[in-house]
Amino acid sequence: MKLEYRGMIKNIEDLPKANLPDNAVKFKEPQTLSQVNLAAALYMVPLAIFIVITVALGVVYGGKSNPLDAPLLPGILLALAAVLPHELLHAVCFGKGAVVGLYFAPKELMAFVYCDAPVTKLKFILLSLCPNIILGWIPFILWFILPDLGQKGSTMLIFSVFSIMMGSGDYMNVMNALRQMPKGSYQQLSGMHSYWYMP
């Protein structure tokens, strides 16, 4: 995988356009980065409900320290510092030989990677989930199953929760793939939009 830093992007129309197969079908998805942020926010609701219930169970029945009794700032700062590693994990998943561009969209407060190499449905789902699993769900599960770690555990929990929430757009991609891509199909980016096609 070759990573190229492509800087700030103000207009999504400036994203590269891929040479798509004739039978490529555009995903039914948001049309702008602002709409992506809005749609992704809807995925935060069930995630937040699940997290609140799980944390409450950990505090009430698991002997965990209440994370609200500890400073929130260290965990939040760690999660913000993990934005770049999050995108690098996406990039690595495209695999050997892929050229991946790293962009920042300051207006939408987004960082994202772009690669127009076609990937299988399963690979698209896995590369979408990879950073959320490594930076979000694994630390969250560790907080839940390990003995109480006090303030360090609370920092890990806050880091994991913010990492999970910041990946809400990735969950949207996964749901789009599950709902729209037939078995055996490939996903490919062109501009800001995803397309699927049968090989």
Protein backbone atom coordinates (compact mmCIF):
# COMPACT_ATOMS: atom_id res chain seq x y z
CA MET A 1 0.00 0.00 0.00
CA LYS A 2 1.28 3.43 -0.95
CA LEU A 3 -0.12 6.33 1.09
CA GLU A 4 -0.17 9.80 -0.48
CA TYR A 5 -0.98 12.90 1.57
CA ARG A 6 -3.23 15.01 -0.65
CA GLY A 7 -3.99 17.80 1.79
CA MET A 8 -7.11 19.86 2.38
CA ILE A 9 -10.09 19.44 0.10
CA LYS A 10 -12.77 22.13 -0.16
CA ASN A 11 -14.79 20.71 -3.04
CA ILE A 12 -15.64 17.03 -3.21
CA GLU A 13 -15.84 17.36 -7.00
CA ASP A 14 -12.05 17.55 -6.90
CA LEU A 15 -11.79 13.92 -5.80
CA PRO A 16 -10.43 11.62 -8.51
CA LYS A 17 -12.88 9.82 -10.76
CA ALA A 18 -12.34 6.13 -11.38
CA ASN A 19 -12.67 4.21 -14.62
CA LEU A 20 -15.78 2.23 -13.67
CA PRO A 21 -17.13 -0.85 -15.43
CA ASP A 22 -20.21 -0.30 -17.59
CA ASN A 23 -22.36 -2.34 -15.20
CA ALA A 24 -21.39 -0.32 -12.09
CA VAL A 25 -24.34 0.69 -9.88
CA LYS A 26 -24.09 3.79 -7.68
CA PHE A 27 -24.79 3.25 -3.98
CA LYS A 28 -27.89 4.87 -2.55
CA GLU A 29 -26.05 7.14 -0.14
CA PRO A 30 -25.67 10.82 0.89
CA GLN A 31 -24.61 13.19 -1.87
CA THR A 32 -22.37 15.60 0.08
CA LEU A 33 -19.90 15.38 2.96
CA SER A 34 -22.29 17.36 5.16
CA GLN A 35 -25.06 14.87 4.38
CA VAL A 36 -22.65 12.03 5.17
CA ASN A 37 -22.03 13.58 8.62
CA LEU A 38 -25.77 13.96 9.22
CA ALA A 39 -26.62 10.40 8.09
CA ALA A 40 -23.72 8.96 10.10
CA ALA A 41 -24.98 10.76 13.21
CA LEU A 42 -28.12 8.61 13.09
CA TYR A 43 -25.93 5.55 13.70
CA MET A 44 -24.69 7.14 16.92
CA VAL A 45 -28.09 6.78 18.59
CA PRO A 46 -28.23 2.95 18.87
CA LEU A 47 -24.49 2.87 19.57
CA ALA A 48 -24.90 5.37 22.41
CA ILE A 49 -27.83 3.43 23.89
CA PHE A 50 -25.85 0.18 23.81
CA ILE A 51 -22.77 1.83 25.33
CA VAL A 52 -24.71 3.55 28.13
CA ILE A 53 -26.45 0.28 29.08
CA THR A 54 -23.18 -1.70 28.99
CA VAL A 55 -21.27 0.88 31.04
CA ALA A 56 -24.10 1.07 33.59
CA LEU A 57 -24.01 -2.73 33.94
CA GLY A 58 -20.24 -2.59 34.40
CA VAL A 59 -20.51 0.05 37.12
CA VAL A 60 -23.51 -1.41 38.96
CA TYR A 61 -22.76 -5.15 38.70
CA GLY A 62 -19.13 -5.35 37.59
CA GLY A 63 -17.52 -3.21 40.26
CA LYS A 64 -16.21 -0.67 37.75
CA SER A 65 -15.40 2.90 38.70
CA ASN A 66 -17.92 5.41 37.41
CA PRO A 67 -16.19 6.97 34.38
CA LEU A 68 -18.00 10.26 35.02
CA ASP A 69 -16.05 10.58 38.28
CA ALA A 70 -12.78 10.72 36.33
CA PRO A 71 -11.50 13.51 34.03
CA LEU A 72 -12.92 13.08 30.51
CA LEU A 73 -10.32 15.22 28.74
CA PRO A 74 -7.45 12.67 28.57
CA GLY A 75 -9.64 10.06 26.85
CA ILE A 76 -11.11 12.63 24.46
CA LEU A 77 -7.65 13.95 23.52
CA LEU A 78 -6.41 10.40 22.92
CA ALA A 79 -9.39 9.72 20.64
CA LEU A 80 -8.72 12.93 18.67
CA ALA A 81 -5.06 11.94 18.36
CA ALA A 82 -6.21 8.59 16.97
CA VAL A 83 -7.93 10.16 13.93
CA LEU A 84 -4.83 9.68 11.78
CA PRO A 85 -4.17 6.08 12.97
CA HIS A 86 -7.87 5.39 12.26
CA GLU A 87 -7.44 6.47 8.64
CA LEU A 88 -4.12 4.62 8.32
CA LEU A 89 -5.84 1.40 9.39
CA HIS A 90 -8.39 1.90 6.61
CA ALA A 91 -5.54 2.52 4.16
CA VAL A 92 -3.55 -0.58 5.12
CA CYS A 93 -6.61 -2.76 4.55
CA PHE A 94 -6.69 -1.90 0.85
CA GLY A 95 -3.67 -4.16 0.54
CA LYS A 96 -0.45 -4.42 -1.40
CA GLY A 97 -0.18 -2.33 -4.52
CA ALA A 98 -3.06 0.02 -3.68
CA VAL A 99 -2.47 3.79 -3.90
CA VAL A 100 -4.39 5.50 -1.11
CA GLY A 101 -4.86 9.26 -0.77
CA LEU A 102 -5.28 10.94 2.62
CA TYR A 103 -7.51 14.04 2.69
CA PHE A 104 -8.76 16.50 5.27
CA ALA A 105 -12.08 18.33 4.87
CA PRO A 106 -11.81 21.17 7.41
CA LYS A 107 -15.34 22.51 6.92
CA GLU A 108 -16.86 19.12 7.81
CA LEU A 109 -14.17 18.35 10.43
CA MET A 110 -13.35 15.13 8.59
CA ALA A 111 -10.29 13.15 7.65
CA PHE A 112 -10.68 10.34 5.15
CA VAL A 113 -8.76 8.09 2.81
CA TYR A 114 -9.57 7.55 -0.85
CA CYS A 115 -8.66 4.58 -3.00
CA ASP A 116 -10.38 3.62 -6.24
CA ALA A 117 -9.01 0.08 -6.29
CA PRO A 118 -11.94 -2.38 -6.50
CA VAL A 119 -12.47 -4.59 -3.44
CA THR A 120 -14.78 -7.49 -2.71
CA LYS A 121 -17.89 -6.98 -0.61
CA LEU A 122 -16.30 -8.76 2.36
CA LYS A 123 -13.06 -6.77 2.09
CA PHE A 124 -15.01 -3.50 1.88
CA ILE A 125 -16.89 -4.42 5.07
CA LEU A 126 -13.69 -5.46 6.86
CA LEU A 127 -11.70 -2.37 5.84
CA SER A 128 -14.62 -0.20 6.97
CA LEU A 129 -14.78 -1.88 10.40
CA CYS A 130 -11.06 -2.44 11.07
CA PRO A 131 -10.23 0.88 12.84
CA ASN A 132 -13.43 0.78 14.87
CA ILE A 133 -12.65 -2.72 16.09
CA ILE A 134 -8.99 -2.03 16.94
CA LEU A 135 -9.33 1.48 18.40
CA GLY A 136 -12.89 1.30 19.68
CA TRP A 137 -14.41 -2.08 20.42
CA ILE A 138 -11.29 -3.91 21.68
CA PRO A 139 -10.49 -1.26 24.36
CA PHE A 140 -14.20 -1.11 25.23
CA ILE A 141 -14.37 -4.89 25.74
CA LEU A 142 -11.12 -4.83 27.74
CA TRP A 143 -12.60 -2.17 30.06
CA PHE A 144 -15.62 -4.39 30.57
CA ILE A 145 -13.83 -7.71 31.22
CA LEU A 146 -10.69 -6.61 33.07
CA PRO A 147 -10.67 -5.85 36.80
CA ASP A 148 -11.34 -2.19 37.61
CA LEU A 149 -8.38 -0.05 36.55
CA GLY A 150 -9.56 3.15 38.20
CA GLN A 151 -8.77 6.38 36.35
CA LYS A 152 -6.67 4.56 33.73
CA GLY A 153 -9.63 2.34 32.99
CA SER A 154 -11.93 5.36 32.72
CA THR A 155 -9.51 7.02 30.27
CA MET A 156 -9.43 3.84 28.19
CA LEU A 157 -13.23 3.69 28.25
CA ILE A 158 -13.67 7.32 27.15
CA PHE A 159 -11.07 6.81 24.41
CA SER A 160 -12.88 3.71 23.17
CA VAL A 161 -16.34 5.33 23.25
CA PHE A 162 -15.21 8.38 21.27
CA SER A 163 -13.34 6.13 18.82
CA ILE A 164 -16.50 4.08 18.29
CA MET A 165 -18.63 7.18 17.77
CA MET A 166 -16.17 8.80 15.37
CA GLY A 167 -16.46 5.70 13.18
CA SER A 168 -20.21 6.09 12.67
CA GLY A 169 -19.72 6.85 8.96
CA ASP A 170 -17.97 3.50 8.62
CA TYR A 171 -21.02 1.71 10.02
CA MET A 172 -23.12 3.49 7.41
CA ASN A 173 -20.81 2.11 4.69
CA VAL A 174 -21.15 -1.38 6.13
CA MET A 175 -24.95 -1.17 6.21
CA ASN A 176 -25.00 0.13 2.63
CA ALA A 177 -22.83 -2.79 1.55
CA LEU A 178 -24.98 -5.35 3.37
CA ARG A 179 -28.21 -3.93 1.98
CA GLN A 180 -27.18 -3.07 -1.56
CA MET A 181 -24.29 -5.27 -2.71
CA PRO A 182 -25.15 -8.73 -4.05
CA LYS A 183 -23.05 -11.72 -3.11
CA GLY A 184 -19.90 -11.88 -5.20
CA SER A 185 -19.96 -8.18 -6.11
CA TYR A 186 -17.14 -5.64 -5.90
CA GLN A 187 -17.11 -2.12 -4.48
CA GLN A 188 -15.23 0.77 -6.09
CA LEU A 189 -14.97 4.48 -5.29
CA SER A 190 -15.31 7.22 -7.88
CA GLY A 191 -15.34 10.74 -6.55
CA MET A 192 -17.02 10.63 -3.16
CA HIS A 193 -19.42 7.88 -4.16
CA SER A 194 -19.29 4.12 -3.89
CA TYR A 195 -20.36 1.84 -6.72
CA TRP A 196 -20.87 -1.90 -6.86
CA TYR A 197 -20.64 -4.23 -9.81
CA MET A 198 -20.58 -7.91 -10.64
CA PRO A 199 -17.25 -9.06 -12.13
